[in-house]
Amino acid sequence: MGILVRLDELLHERRMTLTELAARVDITLANLSILKTGKAKAIRFSTLEAICAALACQPGDLLAFDPAQAPREQD
């Protein structure tokens, strides 16, 4: 997947645990863990907004695109 999730780095910078973020955002720890590990297939804008509000960040701080990991088009 070409999208990298930088949740670990942001949590570390803010000295916040995944459990604390889950409580602030009102999302299950399991779903937040799926996002953190990059296994999520999608994220709702409302969830992204809540995470950004809790971490005082922008979506671009949380997500990045890595073209080296992007799926290649089939010819």
C-alpha atoms as a PDB file:
ATOM      1  CA  MET A   1       0.000   0.000   0.000  1.00  0.00           C
ATOM      2  CA  GLY A   2       1.377   3.423  -0.893  1.00  0.00           C
ATOM      3  CA  ILE A   3      -0.219   5.260   2.041  1.00  0.00           C
ATOM      4  CA  LEU A   4       1.867   5.396   5.212  1.00  0.00           C
ATOM      5  CA  VAL A   5       0.212   6.030   8.569  1.00  0.00           C
ATOM      6  CA  ARG A   6       2.386   8.026  10.966  1.00  0.00           C
ATOM      7  CA  LEU A   7       0.201   7.509  14.018  1.00  0.00           C
ATOM      8  CA  ASP A   8       2.988   5.939  16.090  1.00  0.00           C
ATOM      9  CA  GLU A   9       5.263   8.938  15.558  1.00  0.00           C
ATOM     10  CA  LEU A  10       2.540  11.445  16.444  1.00  0.00           C
ATOM     11  CA  LEU A  11       1.567   9.536  19.582  1.00  0.00           C
ATOM     12  CA  HIS A  12       5.206   9.373  20.658  1.00  0.00           C
ATOM     13  CA  GLU A  13       5.719  13.124  20.043  1.00  0.00           C
ATOM     14  CA  ARG A  14       2.644  13.937  22.117  1.00  0.00           C
ATOM     15  CA  ARG A  15       3.434  11.365  24.821  1.00  0.00           C
ATOM     16  CA  MET A  16       0.020   9.797  24.383  1.00  0.00           C
ATOM     17  CA  THR A  17      -0.899   6.115  24.392  1.00  0.00           C
ATOM     18  CA  LEU A  18      -3.063   4.416  21.819  1.00  0.00           C
ATOM     19  CA  THR A  19      -5.535   3.644  24.615  1.00  0.00           C
ATOM     20  CA  GLU A  20      -5.764   7.330  25.569  1.00  0.00           C
ATOM     21  CA  LEU A  21      -6.309   8.345  21.946  1.00  0.00           C
ATOM     22  CA  ALA A  22      -8.990   5.680  21.541  1.00  0.00           C
ATOM     23  CA  ALA A  23     -10.861   7.116  24.529  1.00  0.00           C
ATOM     24  CA  ARG A  24     -10.543  10.712  23.279  1.00  0.00           C
ATOM     25  CA  VAL A  25     -11.680   9.846  19.760  1.00  0.00           C
ATOM     26  CA  ASP A  26     -14.315   7.331  20.898  1.00  0.00           C
ATOM     27  CA  ILE A  27     -13.055   4.581  18.607  1.00  0.00           C
ATOM     28  CA  THR A  28     -12.262   1.019  19.616  1.00  0.00           C
ATOM     29  CA  LEU A  29      -8.675   0.198  20.426  1.00  0.00           C
ATOM     30  CA  ALA A  30      -8.843  -2.632  17.875  1.00  0.00           C
ATOM     31  CA  ASN A  31      -9.882  -0.291  15.036  1.00  0.00           C
ATOM     32  CA  LEU A  32      -7.258   2.272  16.008  1.00  0.00           C
ATOM     33  CA  SER A  33      -4.631  -0.487  16.052  1.00  0.00           C
ATOM     34  CA  ILE A  34      -5.654  -1.569  12.543  1.00  0.00           C
ATOM     35  CA  LEU A  35      -5.160   2.020  11.378  1.00  0.00           C
ATOM     36  CA  LYS A  36      -1.836   2.341  13.200  1.00  0.00           C
ATOM     37  CA  THR A  37      -0.398  -0.799  11.601  1.00  0.00           C
ATOM     38  CA  GLY A  38      -1.423   0.344   8.116  1.00  0.00           C
ATOM     39  CA  LYS A  39      -3.876  -2.527   7.629  1.00  0.00           C
ATOM     40  CA  ALA A  40      -6.940  -0.280   7.303  1.00  0.00           C
ATOM     41  CA  LYS A  41      -8.546  -0.198   3.851  1.00  0.00           C
ATOM     42  CA  ALA A  42     -10.350   3.107   4.496  1.00  0.00           C
ATOM     43  CA  ILE A  43     -10.882   5.818   7.092  1.00  0.00           C
ATOM     44  CA  ARG A  44     -13.933   8.008   7.543  1.00  0.00           C
ATOM     45  CA  PHE A  45     -13.379  11.732   7.372  1.00  0.00           C
ATOM     46  CA  SER A  46     -15.142  12.080  10.726  1.00  0.00           C
ATOM     47  CA  THR A  47     -12.620   9.664  12.283  1.00  0.00           C
ATOM     48  CA  LEU A  48      -9.707  11.437  10.629  1.00  0.00           C
ATOM     49  CA  GLU A  49     -11.056  14.766  11.870  1.00  0.00           C
ATOM     50  CA  ALA A  50     -11.406  13.451  15.438  1.00  0.00           C
ATOM     51  CA  ILE A  51      -7.866  12.020  15.428  1.00  0.00           C
ATOM     52  CA  CYS A  52      -6.446  15.279  14.078  1.00  0.00           C
ATOM     53  CA  ALA A  53      -8.337  17.274  16.726  1.00  0.00           C
ATOM     54  CA  ALA A  54      -7.086  14.999  19.527  1.00  0.00           C
ATOM     55  CA  LEU A  55      -3.495  15.114  18.285  1.00  0.00           C
ATOM     56  CA  ALA A  56      -3.581  18.790  17.208  1.00  0.00           C
ATOM     57  CA  CYS A  57      -2.316  17.880  13.751  1.00  0.00           C
ATOM     58  CA  GLN A  58      -3.236  18.085  10.088  1.00  0.00           C
ATOM     59  CA  PRO A  59      -4.227  15.038   7.973  1.00  0.00           C
ATOM     60  CA  GLY A  60      -0.903  15.387   6.143  1.00  0.00           C
ATOM     61  CA  ASP A  61       0.919  14.941   9.457  1.00  0.00           C
ATOM     62  CA  LEU A  62      -0.861  11.622   9.937  1.00  0.00           C
ATOM     63  CA  LEU A  63      -0.848  10.232   6.386  1.00  0.00           C
ATOM     64  CA  ALA A  64       1.830  10.222   3.697  1.00  0.00           C
ATOM     65  CA  PHE A  65       2.090   8.773   0.192  1.00  0.00           C
ATOM     66  CA  ASP A  66       5.090   6.599  -0.668  1.00  0.00           C
ATOM     67  CA  PRO A  67       5.222   6.010  -4.434  1.00  0.00           C
ATOM     68  CA  ALA A  68       7.715   3.165  -3.939  1.00  0.00           C
ATOM     69  CA  GLN A  69       5.021   1.194  -2.103  1.00  0.00           C
ATOM     70  CA  ALA A  70       2.150   2.121  -4.425  1.00  0.00           C
ATOM     71  CA  PRO A  71       0.541  -0.721  -6.375  1.00  0.00           C
ATOM     72  CA  ARG A  72       1.716  -0.865  -9.958  1.00  0.00           C
ATOM     73  CA  GLU A  73      -0.741  -0.688 -12.823  1.00  0.00           C
ATOM     74  CA  GLN A  74      -1.221  -3.864 -14.830  1.00  0.00           C
ATOM     75  CA  ASP A  75      -0.558  -3.544 -18.589  1.00  0.00           C
END
